[in-house]
C-alpha atoms as a PDB file:
ATOM      1  CA  UNK A   1       7.431   3.355 -22.521  1.00  0.00           C
ATOM      2  CA  UNK A   2       5.028   4.696 -19.879  1.00  0.00           C
ATOM      3  CA  UNK A   3       6.338   6.617 -16.856  1.00  0.00           C
ATOM      4  CA  UNK A   4       7.095   4.437 -13.878  1.00  0.00           C
ATOM      5  CA  UNK A   5       4.315   4.479 -11.274  1.00  0.00           C
ATOM      6  CA  UNK A   6       5.309   5.046  -7.686  1.00  0.00           C
ATOM      7  CA  UNK A   7       4.622   1.980  -5.559  1.00  0.00           C
ATOM      8  CA  UNK A   8       2.409   2.050  -2.503  1.00  0.00           C
ATOM      9  CA  UNK A   9       3.731   1.798   0.985  1.00  0.00           C
ATOM     10  CA  UNK A  10       2.370  -1.742   1.212  1.00  0.00           C
ATOM     11  CA  UNK A  11      -1.044  -3.240   1.480  1.00  0.00           C
ATOM     12  CA  UNK A  12      -1.297  -3.047   5.254  1.00  0.00           C
ATOM     13  CA  UNK A  13      -1.529  -6.792   5.882  1.00  0.00           C
ATOM     14  CA  UNK A  14       0.122  -7.864   9.067  1.00  0.00           C
ATOM     15  CA  UNK A  15       3.150 -10.037   8.476  1.00  0.00           C
ATOM     16  CA  UNK A  16       4.620 -10.829  11.890  1.00  0.00           C
ATOM     17  CA  UNK A  17       8.027 -11.869  10.555  1.00  0.00           C
ATOM     18  CA  UNK A  18       8.555  -8.433   8.922  1.00  0.00           C
ATOM     19  CA  UNK A  19       8.584  -6.361  12.135  1.00  0.00           C
ATOM     20  CA  UNK A  20      11.828  -4.761  13.317  1.00  0.00           C
ATOM     21  CA  UNK A  21      11.040  -6.524  16.588  1.00  0.00           C
ATOM     22  CA  UNK A  22       7.925  -8.314  17.749  1.00  0.00           C
ATOM     23  CA  UNK A  23       7.974  -9.426  21.378  1.00  0.00           C
ATOM     24  CA  UNK A  24       6.311 -12.369  23.093  1.00  0.00           C
ATOM     25  CA  UNK A  25       2.579 -12.570  23.727  1.00  0.00           C
ATOM     26  CA  UNK A  26       1.617  -9.797  21.257  1.00  0.00           C
ATOM     27  CA  UNK A  27      -1.993  -9.729  20.165  1.00  0.00           C
ATOM     28  CA  UNK A  28      -2.805  -8.046  16.874  1.00  0.00           C
ATOM     29  CA  UNK A  29      -6.535  -8.093  16.280  1.00  0.00           C
ATOM     30  CA  UNK A  30      -8.249  -8.667  12.960  1.00  0.00           C
ATOM     31  CA  UNK A  31      -8.415  -5.646  10.675  1.00  0.00           C
ATOM     32  CA  UNK A  32      -5.270  -3.982  12.011  1.00  0.00           C
ATOM     33  CA  UNK A  33      -3.105  -2.525   9.258  1.00  0.00           C
ATOM     34  CA  UNK A  34       0.678  -2.112   9.432  1.00  0.00           C
ATOM     35  CA  UNK A  35       2.867  -0.152   7.059  1.00  0.00           C
ATOM     36  CA  UNK A  36       6.698  -0.307   7.050  1.00  0.00           C
ATOM     37  CA  UNK A  37       6.747  -2.945   9.794  1.00  0.00           C
ATOM     38  CA  UNK A  38      10.568  -3.116   9.496  1.00  0.00           C
ATOM     39  CA  UNK A  39      10.633   0.245  11.350  1.00  0.00           C
ATOM     40  CA  UNK A  40       8.274  -0.900  14.158  1.00  0.00           C
ATOM     41  CA  UNK A  41       9.506  -2.455  17.409  1.00  0.00           C
ATOM     42  CA  UNK A  42       6.871  -3.991  19.671  1.00  0.00           C
ATOM     43  CA  UNK A  43       7.642  -5.166  23.227  1.00  0.00           C
ATOM     44  CA  UNK A  44       6.215  -8.097  25.138  1.00  0.00           C
ATOM     45  CA  UNK A  45       2.562  -8.439  26.221  1.00  0.00           C
ATOM     46  CA  UNK A  46       1.271  -5.777  23.861  1.00  0.00           C
ATOM     47  CA  UNK A  47      -2.324  -5.549  22.594  1.00  0.00           C
ATOM     48  CA  UNK A  48      -3.157  -3.890  19.261  1.00  0.00           C
ATOM     49  CA  UNK A  49      -6.924  -3.577  18.765  1.00  0.00           C
ATOM     50  CA  UNK A  50      -9.239  -4.102  15.822  1.00  0.00           C
ATOM     51  CA  UNK A  51      -8.720  -1.759  12.864  1.00  0.00           C
ATOM     52  CA  UNK A  52      -5.672   0.019  14.342  1.00  0.00           C
ATOM     53  CA  UNK A  53      -3.437   1.573  11.723  1.00  0.00           C
ATOM     54  CA  UNK A  54       0.288   1.597  12.502  1.00  0.00           C
ATOM     55  CA  UNK A  55       1.858   3.670   9.775  1.00  0.00           C
ATOM     56  CA  UNK A  56       5.606   3.687  10.242  1.00  0.00           C
ATOM     57  CA  UNK A  57       7.759   5.712   7.891  1.00  0.00           C
ATOM     58  CA  UNK A  58      10.680   4.734   5.700  1.00  0.00           C
ATOM     59  CA  UNK A  59      12.943   6.187   8.364  1.00  0.00           C
ATOM     60  CA  UNK A  60      12.626   6.810  12.114  1.00  0.00           C
ATOM     61  CA  UNK A  61      11.122   4.225  14.460  1.00  0.00           C
ATOM     62  CA  UNK A  62       7.819   3.437  16.047  1.00  0.00           C
ATOM     63  CA  UNK A  63       8.461   1.748  19.365  1.00  0.00           C
ATOM     64  CA  UNK A  64       5.742   0.280  21.592  1.00  0.00           C
ATOM     65  CA  UNK A  65       6.885  -0.703  25.086  1.00  0.00           C
ATOM     66  CA  UNK A  66       6.104  -3.822  27.082  1.00  0.00           C
ATOM     67  CA  UNK A  67       2.632  -4.142  28.524  1.00  0.00           C
ATOM     68  CA  UNK A  68       1.098  -1.365  26.397  1.00  0.00           C
ATOM     69  CA  UNK A  69      -2.186  -1.460  24.564  1.00  0.00           C
ATOM     70  CA  UNK A  70      -3.658   0.424  21.616  1.00  0.00           C
ATOM     71  CA  UNK A  71      -7.422   0.661  21.397  1.00  0.00           C
ATOM     72  CA  UNK A  72      -9.494  -0.114  18.339  1.00  0.00           C
ATOM     73  CA  UNK A  73      -9.433   2.279  15.374  1.00  0.00           C
ATOM     74  CA  UNK A  74      -6.417   4.249  16.685  1.00  0.00           C
ATOM     75  CA  UNK A  75      -4.061   5.720  14.038  1.00  0.00           C
ATOM     76  CA  UNK A  76      -0.371   6.150  14.691  1.00  0.00           C
ATOM     77  CA  UNK A  77       1.866   7.732  12.045  1.00  0.00           C
ATOM     78  CA  UNK A  78       5.568   7.927  12.900  1.00  0.00           C
ATOM     79  CA  UNK A  79       7.242  10.074  10.232  1.00  0.00           C
ATOM     80  CA  UNK A  80       9.037  11.860  13.106  1.00  0.00           C
ATOM     81  CA  UNK A  81       9.365   8.776  15.269  1.00  0.00           C
ATOM     82  CA  UNK A  82       7.159   7.622  18.120  1.00  0.00           C
ATOM     83  CA  UNK A  83       8.232   6.032  21.401  1.00  0.00           C
ATOM     84  CA  UNK A  84       5.437   4.656  23.594  1.00  0.00           C
ATOM     85  CA  UNK A  85       6.684   3.658  27.042  1.00  0.00           C
ATOM     86  CA  UNK A  86       5.852   0.591  29.094  1.00  0.00           C
ATOM     87  CA  UNK A  87       2.306  -0.070  30.370  1.00  0.00           C
ATOM     88  CA  UNK A  88       0.790   2.799  28.326  1.00  0.00           C
ATOM     89  CA  UNK A  89      -2.762   2.757  27.124  1.00  0.00           C
ATOM     90  CA  UNK A  90      -3.903   4.566  23.994  1.00  0.00           C
ATOM     91  CA  UNK A  91      -7.670   4.839  23.770  1.00  0.00           C
ATOM     92  CA  UNK A  92      -9.916   3.855  20.879  1.00  0.00           C
ATOM     93  CA  UNK A  93      -9.927   6.273  17.969  1.00  0.00           C
ATOM     94  CA  UNK A  94      -6.891   8.227  19.156  1.00  0.00           C
ATOM     95  CA  UNK A  95      -4.748   9.806  16.402  1.00  0.00           C
ATOM     96  CA  UNK A  96      -1.038  10.322  16.968  1.00  0.00           C
ATOM     97  CA  UNK A  97       1.001  12.081  14.218  1.00  0.00           C
ATOM     98  CA  UNK A  98       4.637  13.025  14.346  1.00  0.00           C
END
């Protein structure tokens, strides 16, 4: 019997019902990829731009506060946890690693 292959962390497709929390009036643009959405909490009135990668971790949380926006092609990896406050803007192409 062959050795068991380790699975991936998901395919990145956005499944809104899988988030730990997904507020009202959240826009997730085409091409955005989300990994471990069960560990991501998104507030109300949040914008997530084209081709953003939200890479949560199997533990710790990624939290995005009300009224915040994340510009296109940004990459957020929350192995150590990330908490973005309310009304925060993260510019296009920004990389945040914890």
